[in-house]
Amino acid sequence: HRDLHSFPTRRSSDLSGLGVLPEHRSRGQAYEMKVMQRTLARELGYHRIKWTFSALRSVNAHLYITRLGGIGSKYVFDTRGSHDSDWVTEGGVPLDEFVVEWQLDSERVRSRLEGTKPARPADTYCISRCSGSGPDRVLDDIDSEPLADRVVCEVPADFQHLVNNALDRAMDWRSKTRPAFARLMEQGFALTECFYDREHGPRYLFERGTKGQPDSGHN
């Protein structure tokens, strides 16, 4: 099976990414571009595409993980040099990322593209404890050593808003989730969903034992 990697490198001429101008966002163009990428990749004989996204951007996670059926298989520490390069997209907050693996021919991906919506997890252990409301929501504590095999974690509703307006809070979210998310990956968890809770906002679902399995996931 052939893999297509969409990782950016430190040389600007090698950058590969997906971008939609602000005035054209929220219209489905990003989703349509990824679907077209899948079609073209399959025609060329590729069966998996890998790329990264900023780990606390829940809008991206919802698109890549829940709508497109990718799986967050690895946590990567600040590979773009966000403090001293042209990639200072998060105000100097370390640009940690999840690696997405998109198994193009898996049942998980096919079902998501056909419009199947995953069941929201019920009675799942929440590893995060937060306080405050709206954009002032603060992460007080996070458990990086859960005993359960399925856990959820609250994440910011709009991380860019925090970067632009409350940089200290953005840094606090990064500094607390960084070791916890990395530890979950080390323990065999993968990021399998990003869903929205009316009371708490966006939450990530992590499941143990799904990493690297093309047909993993639940419907």
N, C-alpha and C. Protein backbone atom coordinates (compact mmCIF):
# COMPACT_ATOMS: atom_id res chain seq x y z
N HIS A 1 0.84 -1.20 0.00
CA HIS A 1 0.00 0.00 0.00
C HIS A 1 0.87 1.24 0.00
N ARG A 2 0.49 2.21 -0.82
CA ARG A 2 1.27 3.43 -0.92
C ARG A 2 0.69 4.50 -0.01
N ASP A 3 1.58 5.27 0.62
CA ASP A 3 1.19 6.35 1.52
C ASP A 3 1.57 7.68 0.92
N LEU A 4 0.69 8.66 1.08
CA LEU A 4 0.96 10.02 0.63
C LEU A 4 1.09 10.89 1.87
N HIS A 5 2.25 11.53 2.02
CA HIS A 5 2.51 12.36 3.19
C HIS A 5 2.34 13.83 2.82
N SER A 6 1.57 14.54 3.63
CA SER A 6 1.35 15.97 3.41
C SER A 6 1.98 16.79 4.51
N PHE A 7 3.15 16.38 4.96
CA PHE A 7 3.82 17.10 6.04
C PHE A 7 4.54 18.33 5.52
N PRO A 8 4.42 19.47 6.21
CA PRO A 8 5.23 20.63 5.86
C PRO A 8 6.65 20.43 6.35
N THR A 9 7.60 21.07 5.68
CA THR A 9 8.99 21.01 6.11
C THR A 9 9.44 22.42 6.46
N ARG A 10 10.70 22.57 6.85
CA ARG A 10 11.20 23.89 7.22
C ARG A 10 11.51 24.75 6.01
N ARG A 11 11.54 24.17 4.82
CA ARG A 11 11.77 24.98 3.62
C ARG A 11 10.43 25.38 3.03
N SER A 12 10.23 26.70 2.84
CA SER A 12 8.94 27.19 2.40
C SER A 12 8.53 26.60 1.06
N SER A 13 9.49 26.26 0.21
CA SER A 13 9.15 25.71 -1.10
C SER A 13 8.56 24.32 -0.99
N ASP A 14 8.71 23.66 0.18
CA ASP A 14 8.23 22.31 0.36
C ASP A 14 6.91 22.24 1.12
N LEU A 15 6.36 23.39 1.49
CA LEU A 15 5.16 23.38 2.32
C LEU A 15 3.97 22.84 1.55
N SER A 16 3.20 22.02 2.24
CA SER A 16 1.99 21.46 1.66
C SER A 16 0.89 21.59 2.69
N GLY A 17 -0.18 22.29 2.37
CA GLY A 17 -1.22 22.49 3.36
C GLY A 17 -2.56 22.77 2.70
N LEU A 18 -3.57 22.92 3.55
CA LEU A 18 -4.91 23.21 3.10
C LEU A 18 -5.33 24.54 3.68
N GLY A 19 -5.73 25.47 2.83
CA GLY A 19 -6.11 26.78 3.34
C GLY A 19 -7.27 27.38 2.56
N VAL A 20 -8.16 28.05 3.29
CA VAL A 20 -9.29 28.76 2.69
C VAL A 20 -9.26 30.18 3.23
N LEU A 21 -9.38 31.16 2.36
CA LEU A 21 -9.38 32.55 2.79
C LEU A 21 -10.50 32.81 3.79
N PRO A 22 -10.27 33.67 4.79
CA PRO A 22 -11.25 33.90 5.85
C PRO A 22 -12.65 34.21 5.34
N GLU A 23 -12.75 35.02 4.29
CA GLU A 23 -14.07 35.42 3.81
C GLU A 23 -14.83 34.29 3.12
N HIS A 24 -14.15 33.18 2.86
CA HIS A 24 -14.80 32.05 2.19
C HIS A 24 -14.95 30.82 3.09
N ARG A 25 -14.63 30.96 4.37
CA ARG A 25 -14.71 29.83 5.28
C ARG A 25 -16.15 29.53 5.69
N SER A 26 -16.34 28.34 6.26
CA SER A 26 -17.64 27.87 6.75
C SER A 26 -18.62 27.65 5.62
N ARG A 27 -18.11 27.37 4.43
CA ARG A 27 -18.97 27.09 3.29
C ARG A 27 -18.74 25.69 2.72
N GLY A 28 -17.89 24.93 3.36
CA GLY A 28 -17.67 23.55 2.94
C GLY A 28 -16.54 23.34 1.95
N GLN A 29 -15.79 24.42 1.60
CA GLN A 29 -14.72 24.27 0.61
C GLN A 29 -13.61 23.34 1.10
N ALA A 30 -13.23 23.45 2.37
CA ALA A 30 -12.15 22.60 2.88
C ALA A 30 -12.53 21.14 2.80
N TYR A 31 -13.75 20.82 3.17
CA TYR A 31 -14.24 19.44 3.08
C TYR A 31 -14.20 18.95 1.64
N GLU A 32 -14.68 19.77 0.72
CA GLU A 32 -14.72 19.37 -0.69
C GLU A 32 -13.31 19.17 -1.25
N MET A 33 -12.35 20.01 -0.82
CA MET A 33 -10.98 19.85 -1.30
C MET A 33 -10.36 18.54 -0.80
N LYS A 34 -10.65 18.18 0.46
CA LYS A 34 -10.11 16.93 0.98
C LYS A 34 -10.74 15.73 0.27
N VAL A 35 -12.02 15.79 -0.02
CA VAL A 35 -12.68 14.70 -0.74
C VAL A 35 -12.08 14.55 -2.14
N MET A 36 -11.80 15.67 -2.79
CA MET A 36 -11.17 15.62 -4.11
C MET A 36 -9.75 15.07 -3.99
N GLN A 37 -9.04 15.45 -2.95
CA GLN A 37 -7.70 14.91 -2.74
C GLN A 37 -7.75 13.40 -2.60
N ARG A 38 -8.74 12.89 -1.89
CA ARG A 38 -8.88 11.43 -1.74
C ARG A 38 -9.11 10.77 -3.09
N THR A 39 -9.98 11.36 -3.89
CA THR A 39 -10.27 10.79 -5.22
C THR A 39 -9.01 10.73 -6.07
N LEU A 40 -8.27 11.83 -6.12
CA LEU A 40 -7.06 11.88 -6.94
C LEU A 40 -5.99 10.93 -6.41
N ALA A 41 -5.86 10.87 -5.08
CA ALA A 41 -4.86 9.99 -4.48
C ALA A 41 -5.15 8.53 -4.79
N ARG A 42 -6.40 8.14 -4.71
CA ARG A 42 -6.77 6.75 -5.01
C ARG A 42 -6.52 6.41 -6.46
N GLU A 43 -6.77 7.38 -7.34
CA GLU A 43 -6.51 7.15 -8.76
C GLU A 43 -5.02 6.94 -9.02
N LEU A 44 -4.18 7.54 -8.19
CA LEU A 44 -2.73 7.40 -8.33
C LEU A 44 -2.19 6.18 -7.57
N GLY A 45 -3.08 5.45 -6.91
CA GLY A 45 -2.66 4.24 -6.23
C GLY A 45 -2.32 4.39 -4.77
N TYR A 46 -2.63 5.54 -4.16
CA TYR A 46 -2.36 5.73 -2.74
C TYR A 46 -3.53 5.22 -1.91
N HIS A 47 -3.21 4.70 -0.74
CA HIS A 47 -4.24 4.16 0.14
C HIS A 47 -4.31 4.87 1.49
N ARG A 48 -3.33 5.72 1.78
CA ARG A 48 -3.33 6.45 3.04
C ARG A 48 -2.68 7.82 2.84
N ILE A 49 -3.26 8.84 3.46
CA ILE A 49 -2.68 10.18 3.45
C ILE A 49 -2.44 10.59 4.90
N LYS A 50 -1.30 11.19 5.18
CA LYS A 50 -0.97 11.67 6.52
C LYS A 50 -0.66 13.15 6.48
N TRP A 51 -1.16 13.87 7.46
CA TRP A 51 -0.84 15.29 7.60
C TRP A 51 -0.96 15.66 9.07
N THR A 52 -0.74 16.92 9.39
CA THR A 52 -0.82 17.37 10.78
C THR A 52 -1.77 18.56 10.91
N PHE A 53 -2.25 18.77 12.13
CA PHE A 53 -3.01 19.99 12.42
C PHE A 53 -2.72 20.41 13.85
N SER A 54 -2.85 21.70 14.10
CA SER A 54 -2.59 22.26 15.42
C SER A 54 -3.49 21.59 16.46
N ALA A 55 -2.88 21.06 17.51
CA ALA A 55 -3.56 20.12 18.40
C ALA A 55 -4.78 20.66 19.14
N LEU A 56 -4.90 21.96 19.33
CA LEU A 56 -6.03 22.51 20.08
C LEU A 56 -7.05 23.21 19.19
N ARG A 57 -6.92 23.07 17.90
CA ARG A 57 -7.89 23.70 16.99
C ARG A 57 -9.02 22.71 16.73
N SER A 58 -10.07 22.84 17.53
CA SER A 58 -11.17 21.88 17.48
C SER A 58 -11.94 21.92 16.16
N VAL A 59 -11.98 23.07 15.50
CA VAL A 59 -12.66 23.15 14.20
C VAL A 59 -11.98 22.23 13.20
N ASN A 60 -10.64 22.26 13.17
CA ASN A 60 -9.89 21.38 12.28
C ASN A 60 -10.09 19.93 12.67
N ALA A 61 -10.07 19.65 13.98
CA ALA A 61 -10.24 18.28 14.44
C ALA A 61 -11.60 17.73 14.03
N HIS A 62 -12.63 18.55 14.14
CA HIS A 62 -13.96 18.09 13.76
C HIS A 62 -14.02 17.73 12.27
N LEU A 63 -13.37 18.55 11.44
CA LEU A 63 -13.36 18.27 10.00
C LEU A 63 -12.55 17.01 9.70
N TYR A 64 -11.31 16.96 10.17
CA TYR A 64 -10.40 15.89 9.79
C TYR A 64 -10.74 14.55 10.44
N ILE A 65 -11.16 14.57 11.70
CA ILE A 65 -11.37 13.34 12.44
C ILE A 65 -12.81 12.84 12.34
N THR A 66 -13.76 13.70 12.64
CA THR A 66 -15.15 13.25 12.67
C THR A 66 -15.81 13.25 11.29
N ARG A 67 -15.66 14.33 10.53
CA ARG A 67 -16.35 14.39 9.24
C ARG A 67 -15.65 13.55 8.17
N LEU A 68 -14.31 13.59 8.13
CA LEU A 68 -13.58 12.87 7.10
C LEU A 68 -13.17 11.46 7.53
N GLY A 69 -13.19 11.18 8.82
CA GLY A 69 -12.88 9.83 9.28
C GLY A 69 -11.43 9.54 9.53
N GLY A 70 -10.59 10.59 9.60
CA GLY A 70 -9.19 10.36 9.93
C GLY A 70 -9.03 9.98 11.39
N ILE A 71 -7.83 9.57 11.76
CA ILE A 71 -7.52 9.23 13.14
C ILE A 71 -6.24 9.95 13.56
N GLY A 72 -6.28 10.61 14.70
CA GLY A 72 -5.08 11.26 15.23
C GLY A 72 -4.21 10.22 15.89
N SER A 73 -3.10 9.86 15.27
CA SER A 73 -2.31 8.71 15.70
C SER A 73 -1.04 9.07 16.47
N LYS A 74 -0.66 10.36 16.46
CA LYS A 74 0.59 10.74 17.09
C LYS A 74 0.53 12.20 17.49
N TYR A 75 1.22 12.54 18.58
CA TYR A 75 1.32 13.92 19.03
C TYR A 75 2.74 14.39 18.76
N VAL A 76 2.87 15.51 18.06
CA VAL A 76 4.18 16.01 17.62
C VAL A 76 4.46 17.35 18.29
N PHE A 77 5.65 17.49 18.87
CA PHE A 77 6.01 18.71 19.58
C PHE A 77 6.58 19.76 18.64
N ASP A 78 5.90 20.87 18.46
CA ASP A 78 6.41 22.12 17.89
C ASP A 78 7.48 21.93 16.81
N THR A 79 7.20 21.13 15.76
CA THR A 79 8.19 20.85 14.72
C THR A 79 8.42 22.02 13.78
N ARG A 80 7.51 23.01 13.78
CA ARG A 80 7.64 24.12 12.84
C ARG A 80 8.43 25.29 13.40
N GLY A 81 8.93 25.16 14.61
CA GLY A 81 9.74 26.24 15.18
C GLY A 81 8.95 27.52 15.34
N SER A 82 7.82 27.46 16.03
CA SER A 82 6.89 28.59 16.06
C SER A 82 7.45 29.84 16.72
N HIS A 83 8.54 29.72 17.48
CA HIS A 83 9.08 30.91 18.15
C HIS A 83 10.01 31.73 17.26
N ASP A 84 10.60 31.12 16.24
CA ASP A 84 11.64 31.84 15.50
C ASP A 84 11.57 31.62 13.99
N SER A 85 10.37 31.44 13.46
CA SER A 85 10.24 31.21 12.03
C SER A 85 9.02 31.93 11.49
N ASP A 86 8.76 31.76 10.21
CA ASP A 86 7.60 32.37 9.58
C ASP A 86 6.29 31.69 9.99
N TRP A 87 6.40 30.59 10.76
CA TRP A 87 5.21 29.84 11.15
C TRP A 87 4.68 30.27 12.52
N VAL A 88 4.90 31.54 12.89
CA VAL A 88 4.39 32.01 14.17
C VAL A 88 2.90 32.29 14.03
N THR A 89 2.13 31.23 13.81
CA THR A 89 0.69 31.36 13.57
C THR A 89 -0.10 31.35 14.85
N GLU A 90 0.54 31.01 15.98
CA GLU A 90 -0.19 30.93 17.24
C GLU A 90 0.42 31.84 18.29
N GLY A 91 0.88 33.01 17.84
CA GLY A 91 1.32 34.04 18.75
C GLY A 91 2.51 33.68 19.61
N GLY A 92 3.31 32.73 19.18
CA GLY A 92 4.44 32.29 19.98
C GLY A 92 4.14 31.09 20.85
N VAL A 93 2.87 30.67 20.95
CA VAL A 93 2.52 29.45 21.66
C VAL A 93 3.11 28.27 20.87
N PRO A 94 3.80 27.34 21.52
CA PRO A 94 4.37 26.21 20.78
C PRO A 94 3.33 25.52 19.90
N LEU A 95 3.67 25.34 18.64
CA LEU A 95 2.72 24.81 17.67
C LEU A 95 2.75 23.28 17.66
N ASP A 96 2.25 22.66 18.73
CA ASP A 96 2.14 21.21 18.80
C ASP A 96 1.03 20.74 17.87
N GLU A 97 1.19 19.53 17.34
CA GLU A 97 0.24 19.04 16.34
C GLU A 97 -0.09 17.56 16.55
N PHE A 98 -1.27 17.18 16.06
CA PHE A 98 -1.61 15.77 15.92
C PHE A 98 -1.31 15.34 14.48
N VAL A 99 -0.80 14.13 14.35
CA VAL A 99 -0.65 13.53 13.03
C VAL A 99 -1.96 12.82 12.70
N VAL A 100 -2.54 13.14 11.54
CA VAL A 100 -3.77 12.49 11.08
C VAL A 100 -3.42 11.41 10.08
N GLU A 101 -3.96 10.23 10.28
CA GLU A 101 -3.85 9.15 9.30
C GLU A 101 -5.22 8.94 8.69
N TRP A 102 -5.28 9.10 7.39
CA TRP A 102 -6.55 8.99 6.65
C TRP A 102 -6.48 7.75 5.78
N GLN A 103 -7.07 6.66 6.25
CA GLN A 103 -7.09 5.40 5.51
C GLN A 103 -8.18 5.49 4.45
N LEU A 104 -7.79 5.73 3.21
CA LEU A 104 -8.72 6.14 2.16
C LEU A 104 -9.78 5.10 1.83
N ASP A 105 -9.47 3.81 2.01
CA ASP A 105 -10.40 2.76 1.62
C ASP A 105 -11.07 2.07 2.82
N SER A 106 -10.90 2.62 4.00
CA SER A 106 -11.46 1.98 5.19
C SER A 106 -12.96 2.19 5.28
N GLU A 107 -13.62 1.30 6.00
CA GLU A 107 -15.06 1.41 6.21
C GLU A 107 -15.37 2.68 7.00
N ARG A 108 -14.51 3.03 7.93
CA ARG A 108 -14.71 4.25 8.72
C ARG A 108 -14.78 5.47 7.82
N VAL A 109 -13.82 5.61 6.91
CA VAL A 109 -13.79 6.77 6.02
C VAL A 109 -14.97 6.75 5.06
N ARG A 110 -15.24 5.61 4.48
CA ARG A 110 -16.36 5.52 3.53
C ARG A 110 -17.68 5.91 4.19
N SER A 111 -17.90 5.42 5.41
CA SER A 111 -19.17 5.71 6.08
C SER A 111 -19.30 7.19 6.42
N ARG A 112 -18.18 7.81 6.83
CA ARG A 112 -18.25 9.23 7.16
C ARG A 112 -18.54 10.07 5.91
N LEU A 113 -17.91 9.72 4.80
CA LEU A 113 -18.13 10.48 3.57
C LEU A 113 -19.54 10.26 3.02
N GLU A 114 -20.15 9.15 3.41
CA GLU A 114 -21.53 8.89 3.01
C GLU A 114 -22.53 9.58 3.93
N GLY A 115 -22.02 10.24 4.95
CA GLY A 115 -22.88 11.02 5.84
C GLY A 115 -23.25 10.35 7.14
N THR A 116 -22.68 9.18 7.43
CA THR A 116 -22.97 8.50 8.69
C THR A 116 -22.36 9.28 9.85
N LYS A 117 -23.16 9.57 10.84
CA LYS A 117 -22.68 10.31 12.01
C LYS A 117 -22.40 9.34 13.15
N PRO A 118 -21.25 9.49 13.81
CA PRO A 118 -20.93 8.59 14.92
C PRO A 118 -21.82 8.86 16.12
N ALA A 119 -22.09 7.81 16.87
CA ALA A 119 -22.85 7.97 18.11
C ALA A 119 -22.00 8.70 19.14
N ARG A 120 -22.60 9.63 19.84
CA ARG A 120 -21.85 10.35 20.86
C ARG A 120 -21.58 9.44 22.05
N PRO A 121 -20.38 9.47 22.56
CA PRO A 121 -20.05 8.57 23.67
C PRO A 121 -20.85 8.92 24.92
N ALA A 122 -21.35 7.87 25.57
CA ALA A 122 -22.11 8.07 26.80
C ALA A 122 -21.34 7.49 27.97
N ASP A 123 -21.43 8.16 29.11
CA ASP A 123 -20.78 7.69 30.34
C ASP A 123 -19.29 7.40 30.13
N THR A 124 -18.63 8.30 29.41
CA THR A 124 -17.20 8.15 29.16
C THR A 124 -16.42 9.03 30.13
N TYR A 125 -15.37 8.50 30.70
CA TYR A 125 -14.58 9.24 31.68
C TYR A 125 -13.96 10.49 31.07
N CYS A 126 -14.16 11.63 31.73
CA CYS A 126 -13.61 12.90 31.25
C CYS A 126 -12.32 13.19 32.00
N ILE A 127 -11.23 13.34 31.27
CA ILE A 127 -9.93 13.54 31.91
C ILE A 127 -9.65 15.00 32.23
N SER A 128 -10.52 15.92 31.76
CA SER A 128 -10.29 17.35 32.00
C SER A 128 -11.28 17.89 33.02
N ARG A 129 -10.81 18.86 33.80
CA ARG A 129 -11.66 19.56 34.73
C ARG A 129 -11.47 21.06 34.50
N CYS A 130 -12.55 21.73 34.12
CA CYS A 130 -12.48 23.13 33.71
C CYS A 130 -13.41 23.99 34.55
N SER A 131 -13.18 25.29 34.48
CA SER A 131 -14.04 26.25 35.15
C SER A 131 -14.20 27.47 34.26
N GLY A 132 -15.18 28.31 34.59
CA GLY A 132 -15.46 29.47 33.75
C GLY A 132 -16.40 29.10 32.63
N SER A 133 -16.69 30.06 31.77
CA SER A 133 -17.62 29.80 30.68
C SER A 133 -17.18 30.54 29.42
N GLY A 134 -17.67 30.07 28.28
CA GLY A 134 -17.39 30.71 27.00
C GLY A 134 -15.90 30.83 26.74
N PRO A 135 -15.46 31.95 26.16
CA PRO A 135 -14.03 32.14 25.87
C PRO A 135 -13.17 32.24 27.12
N ASP A 136 -13.80 32.42 28.30
CA ASP A 136 -13.06 32.51 29.55
C ASP A 136 -12.88 31.15 30.21
N ARG A 137 -13.26 30.09 29.53
CA ARG A 137 -13.12 28.74 30.08
C ARG A 137 -11.65 28.44 30.34
N VAL A 138 -11.38 27.91 31.52
CA VAL A 138 -10.01 27.64 31.95
C VAL A 138 -9.85 26.16 32.25
N LEU A 139 -8.74 25.58 31.81
CA LEU A 139 -8.43 24.20 32.12
C LEU A 139 -7.72 24.16 33.48
N ASP A 140 -8.39 23.60 34.48
CA ASP A 140 -7.82 23.56 35.83
C ASP A 140 -6.89 22.37 36.02
N ASP A 141 -7.29 21.22 35.47
CA ASP A 141 -6.50 20.01 35.70
C ASP A 141 -6.81 19.01 34.60
N ILE A 142 -5.88 18.08 34.35
CA ILE A 142 -6.08 17.06 33.33
C ILE A 142 -5.37 15.79 33.76
N ASP A 143 -6.01 14.66 33.54
CA ASP A 143 -5.49 13.36 33.94
C ASP A 143 -4.80 12.71 32.75
N SER A 144 -3.52 12.43 32.88
CA SER A 144 -2.77 11.82 31.78
C SER A 144 -2.57 10.32 31.96
N GLU A 145 -3.13 9.75 33.03
CA GLU A 145 -2.97 8.32 33.30
C GLU A 145 -4.33 7.67 33.57
N PRO A 146 -5.27 7.77 32.63
CA PRO A 146 -6.61 7.21 32.87
C PRO A 146 -6.58 5.68 32.84
N LEU A 147 -7.47 5.08 33.61
CA LEU A 147 -7.58 3.62 33.62
C LEU A 147 -8.51 3.12 32.53
N ALA A 148 -9.42 3.96 32.06
CA ALA A 148 -10.39 3.56 31.04
C ALA A 148 -9.73 3.52 29.66
N ASP A 149 -10.35 2.80 28.73
CA ASP A 149 -9.86 2.71 27.35
C ASP A 149 -10.53 3.71 26.41
N ARG A 150 -11.54 4.42 26.91
CA ARG A 150 -12.20 5.48 26.14
C ARG A 150 -12.37 6.67 27.07
N VAL A 151 -11.80 7.81 26.68
CA VAL A 151 -11.88 9.00 27.53
C VAL A 151 -12.18 10.21 26.66
N VAL A 152 -12.75 11.23 27.27
CA VAL A 152 -12.98 12.49 26.57
C VAL A 152 -12.22 13.60 27.27
N CYS A 153 -11.92 14.64 26.52
CA CYS A 153 -11.21 15.80 27.07
C CYS A 153 -11.77 17.06 26.44
N GLU A 154 -12.11 18.02 27.27
CA GLU A 154 -12.58 19.31 26.77
C GLU A 154 -11.43 20.09 26.16
N VAL A 155 -11.70 20.81 25.07
CA VAL A 155 -10.71 21.65 24.41
C VAL A 155 -11.34 23.00 24.11
N PRO A 156 -10.54 24.03 23.83
CA PRO A 156 -11.11 25.37 23.58
C PRO A 156 -12.03 25.38 22.36
N ALA A 157 -13.09 26.17 22.46
CA ALA A 157 -14.01 26.30 21.33
C ALA A 157 -13.38 27.07 20.19
N ASP A 158 -12.52 28.03 20.51
CA ASP A 158 -11.86 28.85 19.48
C ASP A 158 -10.46 29.20 19.97
N PHE A 159 -9.50 28.34 19.66
CA PHE A 159 -8.14 28.55 20.15
C PHE A 159 -7.53 29.81 19.57
N GLN A 160 -7.86 30.16 18.32
CA GLN A 160 -7.32 31.37 17.72
C GLN A 160 -7.79 32.60 18.47
N HIS A 161 -9.01 32.58 18.98
CA HIS A 161 -9.51 33.70 19.78
C HIS A 161 -8.64 33.89 21.03
N LEU A 162 -8.27 32.78 21.66
CA LEU A 162 -7.39 32.88 22.82
C LEU A 162 -6.02 33.42 22.44
N VAL A 163 -5.49 32.96 21.32
CA VAL A 163 -4.19 33.44 20.85
C VAL A 163 -4.23 34.95 20.62
N ASN A 164 -5.33 35.41 20.04
CA ASN A 164 -5.45 36.83 19.69
C ASN A 164 -5.79 37.72 20.88
N ASN A 165 -6.51 37.17 21.87
CA ASN A 165 -7.06 38.01 22.92
C ASN A 165 -6.67 37.63 24.34
N ALA A 166 -6.19 36.42 24.54
CA ALA A 166 -5.82 35.97 25.88
C ALA A 166 -4.66 35.00 25.76
N LEU A 167 -3.51 35.54 25.36
CA LEU A 167 -2.36 34.69 25.05
C LEU A 167 -1.92 33.85 26.24
N ASP A 168 -2.01 34.40 27.43
CA ASP A 168 -1.61 33.64 28.61
C ASP A 168 -2.50 32.42 28.80
N ARG A 169 -3.79 32.56 28.50
CA ARG A 169 -4.71 31.43 28.63
C ARG A 169 -4.45 30.40 27.54
N ALA A 170 -4.12 30.87 26.33
CA ALA A 170 -3.77 29.94 25.26
C ALA A 170 -2.53 29.13 25.64
N MET A 171 -1.55 29.81 26.21
CA MET A 171 -0.33 29.13 26.64
C MET A 171 -0.62 28.14 27.76
N ASP A 172 -1.54 28.50 28.64
CA ASP A 172 -1.90 27.61 29.75
C ASP A 172 -2.54 26.33 29.23
N TRP A 173 -3.46 26.46 28.25
CA TRP A 173 -4.09 25.28 27.65
C TRP A 173 -3.02 24.39 26.99
N ARG A 174 -2.08 25.01 26.28
CA ARG A 174 -1.04 24.22 25.61
C ARG A 174 -0.14 23.52 26.62
N SER A 175 0.29 24.25 27.65
CA SER A 175 1.24 23.67 28.60
C SER A 175 0.62 22.53 29.40
N LYS A 176 -0.69 22.57 29.63
CA LYS A 176 -1.34 21.51 30.40
C LYS A 176 -1.75 20.32 29.53
N THR A 177 -2.19 20.58 28.30
CA THR A 177 -2.62 19.47 27.44
C THR A 177 -1.44 18.77 26.78
N ARG A 178 -0.34 19.48 26.57
CA ARG A 178 0.83 18.91 25.89
C ARG A 178 1.30 17.60 26.54
N PRO A 179 1.66 17.59 27.82
CA PRO A 179 2.13 16.33 28.39
C PRO A 179 1.04 15.27 28.48
N ALA A 180 -0.20 15.69 28.69
CA ALA A 180 -1.29 14.73 28.82
C ALA A 180 -1.58 14.05 27.48
N PHE A 181 -1.69 14.84 26.41
CA PHE A 181 -1.97 14.26 25.09
C PHE A 181 -0.81 13.37 24.63
N ALA A 182 0.41 13.83 24.85
CA ALA A 182 1.56 13.03 24.45
C ALA A 182 1.58 11.71 25.22
N ARG A 183 1.25 11.75 26.50
CA ARG A 183 1.23 10.54 27.31
C ARG A 183 0.13 9.58 26.85
N LEU A 184 -1.03 10.11 26.49
CA LEU A 184 -2.10 9.26 25.96
C LEU A 184 -1.64 8.50 24.72
N MET A 185 -0.96 9.20 23.82
CA MET A 185 -0.46 8.56 22.61
C MET A 185 0.53 7.45 22.96
N GLU A 186 1.38 7.71 23.94
CA GLU A 186 2.37 6.71 24.37
C GLU A 186 1.69 5.46 24.94
N GLN A 187 0.51 5.65 25.51
CA GLN A 187 -0.22 4.53 26.12
C GLN A 187 -1.13 3.80 25.12
N GLY A 188 -1.03 4.16 23.84
CA GLY A 188 -1.80 3.46 22.82
C GLY A 188 -3.15 4.06 22.48
N PHE A 189 -3.41 5.27 22.96
CA PHE A 189 -4.66 5.94 22.60
C PHE A 189 -4.52 6.60 21.23
N ALA A 190 -5.64 6.85 20.59
CA ALA A 190 -5.69 7.64 19.36
C ALA A 190 -6.87 8.60 19.46
N LEU A 191 -6.76 9.73 18.81
CA LEU A 191 -7.85 10.70 18.75
C LEU A 191 -8.84 10.23 17.68
N THR A 192 -10.07 9.89 18.09
CA THR A 192 -11.01 9.29 17.15
C THR A 192 -12.26 10.12 16.86
N GLU A 193 -12.53 11.13 17.67
CA GLU A 193 -13.69 12.00 17.41
C GLU A 193 -13.45 13.38 18.00
N CYS A 194 -14.12 14.37 17.43
CA CYS A 194 -14.26 15.69 18.04
C CYS A 194 -15.74 16.04 17.95
N PHE A 195 -16.41 16.04 19.08
CA PHE A 195 -17.84 16.32 19.09
C PHE A 195 -18.12 17.52 19.99
N TYR A 196 -19.32 18.08 19.86
CA TYR A 196 -19.66 19.29 20.59
C TYR A 196 -20.72 19.00 21.65
N ASP A 197 -20.42 19.40 22.85
CA ASP A 197 -21.31 19.25 23.99
C ASP A 197 -21.93 20.61 24.29
N ARG A 198 -23.25 20.67 24.39
CA ARG A 198 -23.91 21.96 24.59
C ARG A 198 -23.46 22.67 25.86
N GLU A 199 -23.17 21.90 26.87
CA GLU A 199 -22.78 22.50 28.15
C GLU A 199 -21.31 22.86 28.19
N HIS A 200 -20.44 22.01 27.62
CA HIS A 200 -19.00 22.18 27.77
C HIS A 200 -18.27 22.57 26.49
N GLY A 201 -18.96 22.63 25.36
CA GLY A 201 -18.28 22.95 24.11
C GLY A 201 -17.63 21.73 23.48
N PRO A 202 -16.58 21.92 22.66
CA PRO A 202 -15.96 20.79 21.96
C PRO A 202 -15.19 19.87 22.89
N ARG A 203 -15.26 18.59 22.58
CA ARG A 203 -14.53 17.58 23.34
C ARG A 203 -13.87 16.60 22.38
N TYR A 204 -12.68 16.17 22.73
CA TYR A 204 -11.99 15.12 21.99
C TYR A 204 -12.30 13.78 22.63
N LEU A 205 -12.47 12.77 21.80
CA LEU A 205 -12.59 11.39 22.26
C LEU A 205 -11.31 10.65 21.92
N PHE A 206 -10.69 10.06 22.92
CA PHE A 206 -9.51 9.24 22.73
C PHE A 206 -9.86 7.80 23.04
N GLU A 207 -9.41 6.88 22.17
CA GLU A 207 -9.67 5.47 22.38
C GLU A 207 -8.38 4.68 22.30
N ARG A 208 -8.23 3.74 23.21
CA ARG A 208 -7.05 2.90 23.22
C ARG A 208 -7.24 1.70 22.30
N GLY A 209 -6.19 1.37 21.53
CA GLY A 209 -6.25 0.20 20.69
C GLY A 209 -6.70 0.45 19.27
N THR A 210 -6.89 1.73 18.87
CA THR A 210 -7.33 2.03 17.51
C THR A 210 -6.18 2.48 16.62
N LYS A 211 -5.03 2.80 17.21
CA LYS A 211 -3.92 3.34 16.43
C LYS A 211 -3.48 2.38 15.33
N GLY A 212 -3.40 2.89 14.10
CA GLY A 212 -2.88 2.11 12.98
C GLY A 212 -3.84 1.08 12.42
N GLN A 213 -5.08 1.05 12.91
CA GLN A 213 -6.04 0.11 12.38
C GLN A 213 -6.95 0.82 11.39
N PRO A 214 -6.84 0.50 10.08
CA PRO A 214 -7.57 1.25 9.07
C PRO A 214 -9.06 1.19 9.18
N ASP A 215 -9.62 0.14 9.76
CA ASP A 215 -11.06 0.03 9.86
C ASP A 215 -11.58 0.30 11.26
N SER A 216 -10.72 0.95 12.08
CA SER A 216 -11.12 1.23 13.45
C SER A 216 -12.10 2.35 13.50
N GLY A 217 -12.68 2.55 14.68
CA GLY A 217 -13.67 3.60 14.85
C GLY A 217 -15.01 2.98 15.16
N HIS A 218 -15.98 3.81 15.46
CA HIS A 218 -17.32 3.31 15.78
C HIS A 218 -18.32 4.19 15.09
N ASN A 219 -19.48 3.65 14.79
CA ASN A 219 -20.50 4.39 14.07
C ASN A 219 -21.75 4.50 14.90
